[in-house]
Amino acid sequence: MPEAAAAAAEQEFFEPDADDVLDENFPPGRRRFEPRQLTEAEEAAVSEILQPGNPAEKLIEINNTPITRKDIATLKPLEWLNDEVINCFVELLRQHASEAEQAGEPLPKANP
């Protein structure tokens, strides 16, 4: 893959939030996203969830779909995502959109 195409493929485009860190070398509306650092409490929660344990342990249930420790383990680097994690994320997006719509808030743009 040519270098320019590879660099473009690595860029994530998004609508920035107030606490996002942006690379100012990208034009407005097309800036590279760098996720914020997790708080100590968030780091502790992630560490606890990613600890070895019973793979069948249910950690959360979203729309009657249980997410187990085995499912969450697929979020570790170099692991294949499983369908349940993707389904969970899509359901969270649906819930967020539904709550925003009920509150009369505009929905975020998918493609700026």
Foldseek 3Di string as FASTA:
>chain_A
DDPVVVVVVPADFFDDDPPWDWDVVDDPRRTGTDDDDDDPVVVVVLVVLQDDDDQQQFDDAAPNQTQGSVQVPQPDPPHHHDPSVVVRVVSVLVVVVVVCVVVVHDDGDPRD
